[in-house]
Amino acid sequence: MAPRPGFSDKKNDTCCESEGTVYVHNPHLDGMKEDILYHFNLGTSTHDLPAMFGDVKFVCVGGSPWRMKSFIEYIAGELGLENAKSEYPNICAGTDRYAMYKIGPVLSVSHGMGIPSIAIMLHELIKLLYHAHCTDVTILRIGTSGGLGLEPGTVVVTKQSVDATFLPRFEQVILGKTVVRSTDLDEGLAEELLQCSKDLGQFNTVVGNTMCTLDFYEGQARLDGAFCSYTEKDKQEYLTKAYESGVRNIEMESSVFAAMCKLSGLKAAVVCVTLLDRQKGDQLNSAHEVLHSYQQRPQILVGHFIKKRLQTSGSYKS
């Protein structure tokens, strides 16, 4: 594959070349005859990636395949781009790892649960955007989370992703050495999303830090897992410290998402609804209909954001 603008092998976590370009930081890629995006069942020799994805401006990612298909159906309706047969084929149908859907300039991709799953997806997604020559891409993670000091149903737009010790960093062991990367997200994008929520006036939205953990139970101070070596008091003291540090919700993907998007020059945001207040309990006791309505809120907010952006750019007329 011939080199082109956007490649960098600088060993840092900042991008300082032309704004709007999707970066890969891997000098080996340009020496490969073909790049197989295995978990997407796509490749540079088997698919015309620029033709398929070159017009993408918004990428929305979320845990479940069902949720991401639901999102593409929703955004298609919002933008008036519905398929006549209401069929949105899974572009990754040849694999059962992830699901991918596209309508107009919007790409919707599932990432599974937890840091390892979303990291694998992001490696291949970033390369896909790079190979497709995409520019000025905004990427948003939509999902669910546990809240801290917030009413269930509140949407949190992440200011910073922090680890379980409340530090804004993502640590990964590479070749036996610990590499620490920044988890800063785009502040302007977060404020833009907050304003979109005010425009909608449908639900409460706040900007706050998101704690990203390695698991759902002990890592999030739950008392209802198969193992638990701490008390209710220990749990409450820990969650209080988290709240005092600025944490407003807890999930399992935001740190690596923020780190990898920053490395690749992608403007990124995390938009998650809180399903419960973790200081008041661990289990989800709300009715299915209530939880379902909560889960719609991130897609409603992000859908409004995309529609507003396209209207502002003149790419869409209501």
Protein backbone atom coordinates (compact mmCIF):
# COMPACT_ATOMS: atom_id res chain seq x y z
CA MET A 1 0.00 0.00 0.00
CA ALA A 2 1.49 3.34 -1.02
CA PRO A 3 2.14 5.89 1.73
CA ARG A 4 -0.16 8.87 1.88
CA PRO A 5 -0.71 11.89 4.17
CA GLY A 6 -1.93 10.99 7.62
CA PHE A 7 0.69 8.38 8.49
CA SER A 8 2.84 9.00 11.53
CA ASP A 9 5.18 6.79 13.49
CA LYS A 10 5.97 9.35 16.19
CA LYS A 11 6.06 7.72 19.60
CA ASN A 12 3.70 10.06 21.38
CA ASP A 13 -0.02 10.46 21.90
CA THR A 14 -0.57 13.71 20.06
CA CYS A 15 -1.32 14.45 16.42
CA CYS A 16 0.11 17.65 15.06
CA GLU A 17 -0.26 17.34 11.28
CA SER A 18 -3.20 18.42 9.13
CA GLU A 19 -6.40 18.67 11.16
CA GLY A 20 -9.22 16.38 10.11
CA THR A 21 -7.02 13.50 8.96
CA VAL A 22 -7.39 10.02 10.43
CA TYR A 23 -3.99 8.82 11.64
CA VAL A 24 -2.43 5.41 12.03
CA HIS A 25 0.80 5.15 13.98
CA ASN A 26 2.25 2.01 12.42
CA PRO A 27 5.17 2.08 9.94
CA HIS A 28 4.55 -1.57 9.02
CA LEU A 29 1.18 -0.99 7.35
CA ASP A 30 2.60 0.68 4.26
CA GLY A 31 4.76 -2.35 3.54
CA MET A 32 1.78 -4.71 3.45
CA LYS A 33 0.28 -5.76 0.11
CA GLU A 34 -3.10 -6.19 1.77
CA ASP A 35 -4.62 -5.23 5.10
CA ILE A 36 -7.23 -7.72 6.27
CA LEU A 37 -9.66 -6.29 8.82
CA TYR A 38 -10.34 -9.77 10.12
CA HIS A 39 -13.01 -9.07 12.72
CA PHE A 40 -15.00 -6.97 10.23
CA ASN A 41 -14.61 -9.47 7.38
CA LEU A 42 -13.30 -6.62 5.22
CA GLY A 43 -10.00 -6.01 3.46
CA THR A 44 -8.14 -3.59 1.21
CA SER A 45 -7.91 -6.13 -1.63
CA THR A 46 -11.39 -7.59 -1.36
CA HIS A 47 -13.36 -4.38 -0.83
CA ASP A 48 -13.30 -0.85 -2.27
CA LEU A 49 -13.13 0.87 1.11
CA PRO A 50 -13.03 4.47 -0.24
CA ALA A 51 -16.19 3.80 -2.28
CA MET A 52 -17.92 2.10 0.63
CA PHE A 53 -16.91 4.44 3.45
CA GLY A 54 -15.24 7.53 2.02
CA ASP A 55 -18.23 9.77 2.78
CA VAL A 56 -18.42 8.85 6.48
CA LYS A 57 -18.43 11.89 8.81
CA PHE A 58 -20.01 10.40 11.92
CA VAL A 59 -19.25 7.08 13.56
CA CYS A 60 -21.42 5.90 16.43
CA VAL A 61 -20.32 2.88 18.43
CA GLY A 62 -22.11 0.97 21.17
CA GLY A 63 -22.01 -2.36 22.93
CA SER A 64 -24.78 -4.43 21.42
CA PRO A 65 -25.44 -5.21 17.74
CA TRP A 66 -29.18 -4.76 18.35
CA ARG A 67 -28.65 -1.27 19.77
CA MET A 68 -26.49 -0.19 16.83
CA LYS A 69 -29.00 -1.46 14.28
CA SER A 70 -31.69 0.38 16.21
CA PHE A 71 -29.58 3.52 16.04
CA ILE A 72 -29.08 3.35 12.27
CA GLU A 73 -32.84 2.90 11.82
CA TYR A 74 -33.45 5.88 14.09
CA ILE A 75 -30.93 8.21 12.43
CA ALA A 76 -32.15 7.20 8.96
CA GLY A 77 -35.61 8.38 9.97
CA GLU A 78 -34.27 11.58 11.50
CA LEU A 79 -32.36 12.43 8.33
CA GLY A 80 -35.09 11.29 5.94
CA LEU A 81 -32.84 8.60 4.49
CA GLU A 82 -35.00 5.56 5.21
CA ASN A 83 -34.51 2.58 2.97
CA ALA A 84 -37.69 1.96 0.96
CA LYS A 85 -37.79 -1.58 2.36
CA SER A 86 -36.47 -0.48 5.76
CA GLU A 87 -33.60 -2.91 5.32
CA TYR A 88 -30.18 -2.04 6.68
CA PRO A 89 -27.80 -4.93 5.95
CA ASN A 90 -25.02 -5.79 8.35
CA ILE A 91 -21.81 -4.93 6.49
CA CYS A 92 -19.94 -7.38 8.76
CA ALA A 93 -22.38 -10.23 8.13
CA GLY A 94 -19.49 -12.58 7.36
CA THR A 95 -18.40 -12.52 11.00
CA ASP A 96 -20.22 -12.78 14.32
CA ARG A 97 -17.77 -10.58 16.25
CA TYR A 98 -19.17 -7.14 15.41
CA ALA A 99 -22.05 -5.62 13.50
CA MET A 100 -21.79 -2.59 11.22
CA TYR A 101 -24.48 -0.51 9.52
CA LYS A 102 -24.32 2.59 7.32
CA ILE A 103 -26.73 5.21 6.06
CA GLY A 104 -25.48 8.33 4.28
CA PRO A 105 -22.55 9.85 6.23
CA VAL A 106 -23.30 7.85 9.40
CA LEU A 107 -21.61 4.57 10.35
CA SER A 108 -22.95 2.52 13.28
CA VAL A 109 -20.74 -0.20 14.78
CA SER A 110 -21.10 -2.53 17.78
CA HIS A 111 -18.08 -3.04 20.01
CA GLY A 112 -19.04 -5.70 22.53
CA MET A 113 -18.41 -5.37 26.26
CA GLY A 114 -15.25 -4.20 27.98
CA ILE A 115 -11.86 -2.74 27.07
CA PRO A 116 -10.42 -5.71 25.12
CA SER A 117 -13.46 -6.01 22.84
CA ILE A 118 -13.75 -2.31 22.00
CA ALA A 119 -9.96 -2.01 21.54
CA ILE A 120 -9.92 -4.73 18.87
CA MET A 121 -12.83 -3.07 17.10
CA LEU A 122 -11.19 0.37 17.25
CA HIS A 123 -7.92 -0.84 15.73
CA GLU A 124 -9.78 -2.10 12.69
CA LEU A 125 -12.23 0.82 12.58
CA ILE A 126 -9.42 3.39 12.61
CA LYS A 127 -7.62 1.51 9.84
CA LEU A 128 -10.86 1.30 7.87
CA LEU A 129 -11.35 5.08 8.09
CA TYR A 130 -7.70 5.60 7.12
CA HIS A 131 -7.85 3.27 4.12
CA ALA A 132 -11.16 4.88 3.05
CA HIS A 133 -9.48 8.32 3.06
CA CYS A 134 -12.09 9.69 5.47
CA THR A 135 -11.63 13.21 6.84
CA ASP A 136 -13.25 15.35 9.54
CA VAL A 137 -14.77 12.34 11.27
CA THR A 138 -16.51 12.63 14.64
CA ILE A 139 -16.85 9.45 16.67
CA LEU A 140 -19.30 8.98 19.53
CA ARG A 141 -19.79 6.10 21.93
CA ILE A 142 -23.40 5.70 23.07
CA GLY A 143 -24.30 3.36 25.87
CA THR A 144 -25.47 2.68 29.40
CA SER A 145 -23.76 3.13 32.74
CA GLY A 146 -24.19 3.25 36.48
CA GLY A 147 -24.60 6.74 37.87
CA LEU A 148 -23.21 8.45 40.95
CA GLY A 149 -25.43 10.99 42.70
CA LEU A 150 -27.68 11.26 39.66
CA GLU A 151 -31.31 10.34 39.05
CA PRO A 152 -31.67 7.24 36.86
CA GLY A 153 -32.19 8.27 33.26
CA THR A 154 -29.69 11.14 33.44
CA VAL A 155 -27.36 11.30 30.44
CA VAL A 156 -23.66 11.86 31.13
CA VAL A 157 -21.37 13.37 28.50
CA THR A 158 -17.84 12.44 29.54
CA LYS A 159 -15.37 15.20 30.35
CA GLN A 160 -12.51 12.83 31.12
CA SER A 161 -12.31 9.09 31.40
CA VAL A 162 -10.56 8.06 34.61
CA ASP A 163 -9.35 4.72 35.91
CA ALA A 164 -10.42 2.99 39.13
CA THR A 165 -8.03 5.23 41.10
CA PHE A 166 -9.67 8.33 39.54
CA LEU A 167 -6.68 9.23 37.34
CA PRO A 168 -7.21 10.30 33.68
CA ARG A 169 -5.09 7.62 32.05
CA PHE A 170 -5.21 4.36 30.15
CA GLU A 171 -2.49 1.83 30.92
CA GLN A 172 -1.55 -1.00 28.60
CA VAL A 173 1.34 -3.47 28.77
CA ILE A 174 3.18 -3.61 25.42
CA LEU A 175 6.22 -5.88 25.05
CA GLY A 176 6.29 -6.28 28.82
CA LYS A 177 6.38 -2.53 29.46
CA THR A 178 3.56 -0.37 30.80
CA VAL A 179 2.51 2.36 28.37
CA VAL A 180 0.35 5.19 29.73
CA ARG A 181 -1.87 7.19 27.39
CA SER A 182 -4.04 10.24 27.84
CA THR A 183 -7.82 9.86 28.07
CA ASP A 184 -8.74 13.46 27.31
CA LEU A 185 -11.82 13.95 25.16
CA ASP A 186 -12.80 16.94 23.03
CA GLU A 187 -14.18 19.60 25.40
CA GLY A 188 -15.83 21.61 22.64
CA LEU A 189 -17.68 18.51 21.43
CA ALA A 190 -18.89 17.76 24.97
CA GLU A 191 -20.23 21.29 25.34
CA GLU A 192 -21.91 21.07 21.94
CA LEU A 193 -23.68 17.89 23.00
CA LEU A 194 -24.76 19.51 26.27
CA GLN A 195 -26.27 22.39 24.29
CA CYS A 196 -28.06 19.90 22.04
CA SER A 197 -29.65 18.37 25.14
CA LYS A 198 -30.82 21.81 26.23
CA ASP A 199 -32.29 22.34 22.77
CA LEU A 200 -34.22 19.08 23.08
CA GLY A 201 -35.41 19.70 26.65
CA GLN A 202 -36.45 16.05 27.04
CA PHE A 203 -34.13 14.75 29.78
CA ASN A 204 -31.39 15.88 32.13
CA THR A 205 -27.84 15.83 30.78
CA VAL A 206 -24.62 16.64 32.65
CA VAL A 207 -20.92 16.79 31.81
CA GLY A 208 -18.72 14.85 34.23
CA ASN A 209 -15.91 12.35 34.56
CA THR A 210 -16.54 8.72 33.71
CA MET A 211 -14.79 5.94 35.61
CA CYS A 212 -13.78 3.06 33.34
CA THR A 213 -13.29 -0.27 35.10
CA LEU A 214 -12.03 -3.71 34.12
CA ASP A 215 -15.18 -5.57 35.12
CA PHE A 216 -18.82 -5.15 36.07
CA TYR A 217 -18.78 -6.49 39.63
CA GLU A 218 -15.79 -6.12 41.98
CA GLY A 219 -14.18 -3.46 39.80
CA GLN A 220 -17.29 -1.31 40.23
CA ALA A 221 -17.65 -2.00 43.99
CA ARG A 222 -20.77 -4.12 43.58
CA LEU A 223 -21.93 -6.33 46.42
CA ASP A 224 -23.84 -8.84 44.26
CA GLY A 225 -21.12 -10.67 42.34
CA ALA A 226 -19.95 -14.24 42.83
CA PHE A 227 -17.09 -12.90 44.97
CA CYS A 228 -16.94 -9.92 47.33
CA SER A 229 -14.32 -9.23 50.00
CA TYR A 230 -15.54 -5.80 51.18
CA THR A 231 -18.43 -4.35 53.13
CA GLU A 232 -21.27 -1.97 52.32
CA LYS A 233 -19.35 0.69 54.23
CA ASP A 234 -16.21 0.06 52.15
CA LYS A 235 -18.28 0.35 48.99
CA GLN A 236 -19.91 3.62 50.03
CA GLU A 237 -16.60 5.18 51.06
CA TYR A 238 -15.09 4.28 47.69
CA LEU A 239 -18.03 5.59 45.67
CA THR A 240 -18.05 8.79 47.74
CA LYS A 241 -14.37 9.33 46.89
CA ALA A 242 -15.18 8.73 43.24
CA TYR A 243 -17.99 11.28 43.33
CA GLU A 244 -15.81 13.85 45.11
CA SER A 245 -13.16 13.42 42.40
CA GLY A 246 -15.72 14.38 39.75
CA VAL A 247 -16.91 10.95 38.64
CA ARG A 248 -20.58 10.91 37.65
CA ASN A 249 -20.88 7.51 36.01
CA ILE A 250 -19.16 4.15 35.66
CA GLU A 251 -18.73 1.92 32.60
CA MET A 252 -16.11 -0.32 30.97
CA GLU A 253 -14.97 1.13 27.63
CA SER A 254 -14.34 4.88 27.79
CA SER A 255 -10.63 4.90 28.69
CA VAL A 256 -9.32 2.96 25.71
CA PHE A 257 -11.89 4.66 23.48
CA ALA A 258 -10.62 8.10 24.51
CA ALA A 259 -6.96 7.09 24.25
CA MET A 260 -7.21 5.51 20.80
CA CYS A 261 -9.35 8.30 19.35
CA LYS A 262 -6.87 10.88 20.62
CA LEU A 263 -3.97 8.97 19.06
CA SER A 264 -5.74 8.78 15.70
CA GLY A 265 -6.78 12.44 15.63
CA LEU A 266 -10.50 11.68 15.87
CA LYS A 267 -12.75 14.10 17.73
CA ALA A 268 -14.58 11.89 20.18
CA ALA A 269 -17.28 11.92 22.84
CA VAL A 270 -18.84 9.40 25.21
CA VAL A 271 -22.60 9.72 25.81
CA CYS A 272 -24.06 7.26 28.32
CA VAL A 273 -27.34 7.13 30.18
CA THR A 274 -27.35 6.13 33.84
CA LEU A 275 -29.65 3.21 34.61
CA LEU A 276 -29.40 3.51 38.40
CA ASP A 277 -27.66 5.45 41.18
CA ARG A 278 -24.90 3.12 42.37
CA GLN A 279 -24.83 4.79 45.79
CA LYS A 280 -28.37 3.46 46.28
CA GLY A 281 -28.00 -0.08 44.95
CA ASP A 282 -26.36 -2.52 42.58
CA GLN A 283 -29.12 -4.33 40.73
CA LEU A 284 -31.41 -3.04 38.00
CA ASN A 285 -34.90 -3.19 39.46
CA SER A 286 -36.67 -0.77 37.12
CA ALA A 287 -39.32 -2.07 34.73
CA HIS A 288 -38.17 -3.21 31.30
CA GLU A 289 -40.16 -0.42 29.63
CA VAL A 290 -38.46 2.20 31.81
CA LEU A 291 -34.97 0.86 31.11
CA HIS A 292 -35.74 0.71 27.39
CA SER A 293 -36.85 4.35 27.39
CA TYR A 294 -33.64 5.32 29.21
CA GLN A 295 -31.54 3.50 26.62
CA GLN A 296 -33.10 5.58 23.84
CA ARG A 297 -31.80 8.83 25.31
CA PRO A 298 -28.17 8.71 24.10
CA GLN A 299 -29.31 7.95 20.54
CA ILE A 300 -31.89 10.76 20.67
CA LEU A 301 -29.21 13.21 21.81
CA VAL A 302 -26.60 12.04 19.31
CA GLY A 303 -29.20 11.94 16.54
CA HIS A 304 -30.11 15.57 17.23
CA PHE A 305 -26.40 16.48 17.27
CA ILE A 306 -25.77 14.85 13.88
CA LYS A 307 -28.85 16.43 12.35
CA LYS A 308 -27.87 19.86 13.66
CA ARG A 309 -24.29 19.49 12.39
CA LEU A 310 -25.48 18.52 8.92
CA GLN A 311 -27.97 21.39 8.83
CA THR A 312 -25.23 23.83 9.83
CA SER A 313 -22.93 22.52 7.09
CA GLY A 314 -25.71 22.69 4.52
CA SER A 315 -25.55 18.92 3.93
CA TYR A 316 -29.07 18.37 5.21
CA LYS A 317 -32.31 20.32 4.97
CA SER A 318 -35.30 19.59 7.18
